[in-house]
């Protein structure tokens, strides 16, 4: 009897925590703002790009990096991609870098998608989904803003208009990039 009760309490707790996380993510998207990160240290990130070259997040230390987890089947991801590309293009010469990480799909599927929907962004492949697991991604798209010191500072679960000046102004290093 105690085991059944404990199991019910555990399930209820998990449901409440998940509902809170989803509500918080929805509120961030509705207000068009990034949320402060309190989820711990920045996980390692070493993945291959579309050409097979290895990309290591650590190589971008000193820059603000937006790590965006997405998938070709995700409508909000596809809608968000042009604004990420616009941000990268406009701020690429500054200190802001965008890494778009496709999760759980084979290279051929991503290549077909990019042939029909070209984006001027580094697209990395997380074909097995291990990086998404390490980063605790639960909703697509999910983005993490890494400050020049290499620590996650902000995140958003859901799509965002990344080239909106209100969003750009929230990014670490944005003031320095605006002066260039």
Protein backbone atom coordinates (compact mmCIF):
# COMPACT_ATOMS: atom_id res chain seq x y z
CA UNK A 1 0.00 0.00 0.00
CA UNK A 2 2.82 2.39 0.92
CA UNK A 3 4.64 1.64 -2.31
CA UNK A 4 1.52 2.45 -4.36
CA UNK A 5 1.01 5.70 -2.45
CA UNK A 6 4.66 6.70 -2.85
CA UNK A 7 4.44 5.93 -6.55
CA UNK A 8 1.33 8.12 -6.90
CA UNK A 9 3.03 10.98 -5.07
CA UNK A 10 6.09 10.66 -7.32
CA UNK A 11 3.97 10.71 -10.49
CA UNK A 12 2.02 13.74 -9.26
CA UNK A 13 5.26 15.56 -8.43
CA UNK A 14 6.74 14.85 -11.87
CA UNK A 15 3.56 16.06 -13.57
CA UNK A 16 3.55 19.28 -11.53
CA UNK A 17 7.22 20.00 -12.25
CA UNK A 18 6.70 19.37 -15.97
CA UNK A 19 3.61 21.60 -16.03
CA UNK A 20 5.52 24.39 -14.27
CA UNK A 21 8.42 24.12 -16.73
CA UNK A 22 6.07 24.23 -19.73
CA UNK A 23 4.15 27.20 -18.30
CA UNK A 24 7.40 29.08 -17.69
CA UNK A 25 8.60 28.35 -21.22
CA UNK A 26 5.27 29.45 -22.69
CA UNK A 27 5.39 32.68 -20.67
CA UNK A 28 8.88 33.43 -22.00
CA UNK A 29 7.78 32.92 -25.60
CA UNK A 30 4.67 35.04 -25.12
CA UNK A 31 6.67 37.90 -23.63
CA UNK A 32 9.36 37.52 -26.31
CA UNK A 33 12.20 37.39 -23.82
CA UNK A 34 14.97 35.12 -22.72
CA UNK A 35 14.91 33.55 -19.26
CA UNK A 36 17.81 33.49 -16.81
CA UNK A 37 19.49 30.08 -16.65
CA UNK A 38 19.66 28.30 -13.30
CA UNK A 39 20.19 24.78 -14.63
CA UNK A 40 23.85 24.27 -13.82
CA UNK A 41 27.09 24.12 -15.75
CA UNK A 42 27.39 24.25 -19.54
CA UNK A 43 27.60 20.71 -20.94
CA UNK A 44 30.37 19.87 -23.38
CA UNK A 45 29.34 20.12 -27.01
CA UNK A 46 31.38 18.46 -29.78
CA UNK A 47 29.46 17.57 -32.93
CA UNK A 48 30.04 17.29 -36.67
CA UNK A 49 28.80 19.92 -39.09
CA UNK A 50 27.16 19.15 -42.44
CA UNK A 51 30.59 18.75 -44.08
CA UNK A 52 31.82 16.32 -41.43
CA UNK A 53 34.12 18.78 -39.63
CA UNK A 54 34.11 18.57 -35.83
CA UNK A 55 32.86 21.68 -34.02
CA UNK A 56 33.64 22.21 -30.35
CA UNK A 57 31.73 24.81 -28.33
CA UNK A 58 34.90 25.48 -26.34
CA UNK A 59 36.50 26.93 -29.49
CA UNK A 60 34.06 29.87 -29.31
CA UNK A 61 35.11 31.02 -25.84
CA UNK A 62 35.24 34.82 -25.81
CA UNK A 63 32.11 35.08 -27.98
CA UNK A 64 28.41 34.96 -27.20
CA UNK A 65 27.04 31.71 -28.68
CA UNK A 66 23.42 30.79 -29.29
CA UNK A 67 23.08 27.00 -29.21
CA UNK A 68 19.78 26.16 -30.92
CA UNK A 69 18.32 22.63 -30.87
CA UNK A 70 15.85 22.00 -33.70
CA UNK A 71 14.48 19.38 -36.11
CA UNK A 72 13.29 19.50 -39.71
CA UNK A 73 9.82 18.18 -38.76
CA UNK A 74 9.30 20.96 -36.18
CA UNK A 75 7.12 23.81 -37.55
CA UNK A 76 8.21 26.43 -34.98
CA UNK A 77 11.84 25.45 -35.62
CA UNK A 78 11.44 26.07 -39.34
CA UNK A 79 9.72 29.41 -38.67
CA UNK A 80 12.50 30.50 -36.29
CA UNK A 81 15.40 29.57 -38.57
CA UNK A 82 15.34 32.72 -40.79
CA UNK A 83 15.57 35.01 -37.75
CA UNK A 84 18.54 33.00 -36.40
CA UNK A 85 20.23 33.28 -39.80
CA UNK A 86 19.50 37.03 -39.92
CA UNK A 87 21.02 37.48 -36.45
CA UNK A 88 24.08 35.46 -37.41
CA UNK A 89 24.52 37.43 -40.63
CA UNK A 90 24.08 40.80 -38.97
CA UNK A 91 26.21 39.99 -35.92
CA UNK A 92 28.57 37.43 -37.44
CA UNK A 93 31.42 39.90 -37.75
CA UNK A 94 30.92 40.80 -34.09
CA UNK A 95 31.00 38.54 -31.11
CA UNK A 96 27.74 36.59 -31.59
CA UNK A 97 27.76 33.08 -33.11
CA UNK A 98 24.78 30.81 -33.82
CA UNK A 99 25.08 27.02 -33.82
CA UNK A 100 21.96 25.23 -35.11
CA UNK A 101 21.88 21.61 -33.92
CA UNK A 102 19.54 19.22 -35.70
CA UNK A 103 18.47 16.46 -33.32
CA UNK A 104 17.70 12.84 -34.09
CA UNK A 105 17.74 12.88 -37.88
CA UNK A 106 20.13 11.35 -40.41
CA UNK A 107 22.41 13.62 -42.41
CA UNK A 108 20.54 12.86 -45.66
CA UNK A 109 17.25 14.15 -44.21
CA UNK A 110 18.88 17.36 -43.03
CA UNK A 111 20.64 17.80 -46.40
CA UNK A 112 17.31 17.48 -48.23
CA UNK A 113 15.71 20.01 -45.89
CA UNK A 114 18.58 22.49 -46.30
CA UNK A 115 18.51 22.09 -50.09
CA UNK A 116 14.87 23.24 -50.05
CA UNK A 117 15.34 25.75 -47.21
CA UNK A 118 18.88 27.11 -47.33
CA UNK A 119 20.15 28.89 -44.22
CA UNK A 120 23.47 30.60 -43.78
CA UNK A 121 24.24 29.01 -40.41
CA UNK A 122 26.55 26.31 -39.15
CA UNK A 123 24.26 23.27 -38.85
CA UNK A 124 25.56 20.54 -36.55
CA UNK A 125 24.23 17.00 -36.34
CA UNK A 126 23.12 15.28 -33.13
CA UNK A 127 21.85 12.18 -34.94
CA UNK A 128 21.60 10.04 -31.81
CA UNK A 129 20.23 12.84 -29.61
CA UNK A 130 22.97 12.54 -26.99
CA UNK A 131 23.78 16.26 -26.97
CA UNK A 132 20.10 17.14 -26.57
CA UNK A 133 19.94 14.76 -23.60
CA UNK A 134 23.05 16.28 -22.02
CA UNK A 135 21.56 19.76 -22.46
CA UNK A 136 18.20 18.54 -21.05
CA UNK A 137 16.26 19.62 -24.13
CA UNK A 138 12.59 18.71 -23.84
CA UNK A 139 10.93 21.08 -26.33
CA UNK A 140 11.88 22.01 -29.89
CA UNK A 141 13.17 24.50 -30.60
CA UNK A 142 15.20 25.14 -27.45
CA UNK A 143 18.00 27.67 -27.36
CA UNK A 144 20.74 28.44 -24.87
CA UNK A 145 22.74 31.66 -24.77
CA UNK A 146 26.35 31.08 -23.81
CA UNK A 147 28.24 34.13 -22.52
CA UNK A 148 31.83 34.86 -23.55
CA UNK A 149 33.01 33.18 -20.31
CA UNK A 150 31.55 29.87 -21.58
CA UNK A 151 28.65 29.69 -19.12
CA UNK A 152 24.97 29.40 -20.04
CA UNK A 153 23.30 32.68 -19.07
CA UNK A 154 19.87 32.47 -20.73
CA UNK A 155 17.56 30.03 -22.45
CA UNK A 156 14.23 29.74 -24.17
CA UNK A 157 12.11 26.66 -24.85
CA UNK A 158 10.17 27.63 -27.95
CA UNK A 159 10.64 29.82 -30.99
CA UNK A 160 11.81 33.42 -30.81
CA UNK A 161 12.38 36.27 -33.27
CA UNK A 162 16.15 36.35 -32.75
CA UNK A 163 16.75 39.38 -34.97
CA UNK A 164 14.27 41.53 -33.01
CA UNK A 165 16.26 44.44 -31.46
CA UNK A 166 14.60 43.75 -28.08
CA UNK A 167 16.03 40.21 -28.11
CA UNK A 168 19.43 41.23 -29.49
CA UNK A 169 19.68 43.77 -26.66
CA UNK A 170 19.28 40.98 -24.09
CA UNK A 171 22.27 39.03 -25.40
CA UNK A 172 25.59 39.17 -23.54
CA UNK A 173 28.04 41.17 -25.61
CA UNK A 174 25.31 42.88 -27.59
CA UNK A 175 26.43 46.34 -26.49
CA UNK A 176 29.97 45.64 -27.73
CA UNK A 177 28.62 44.22 -31.01
CA UNK A 178 26.47 47.34 -31.53
CA UNK A 179 29.56 49.56 -31.33
CA UNK A 180 31.25 47.76 -34.23
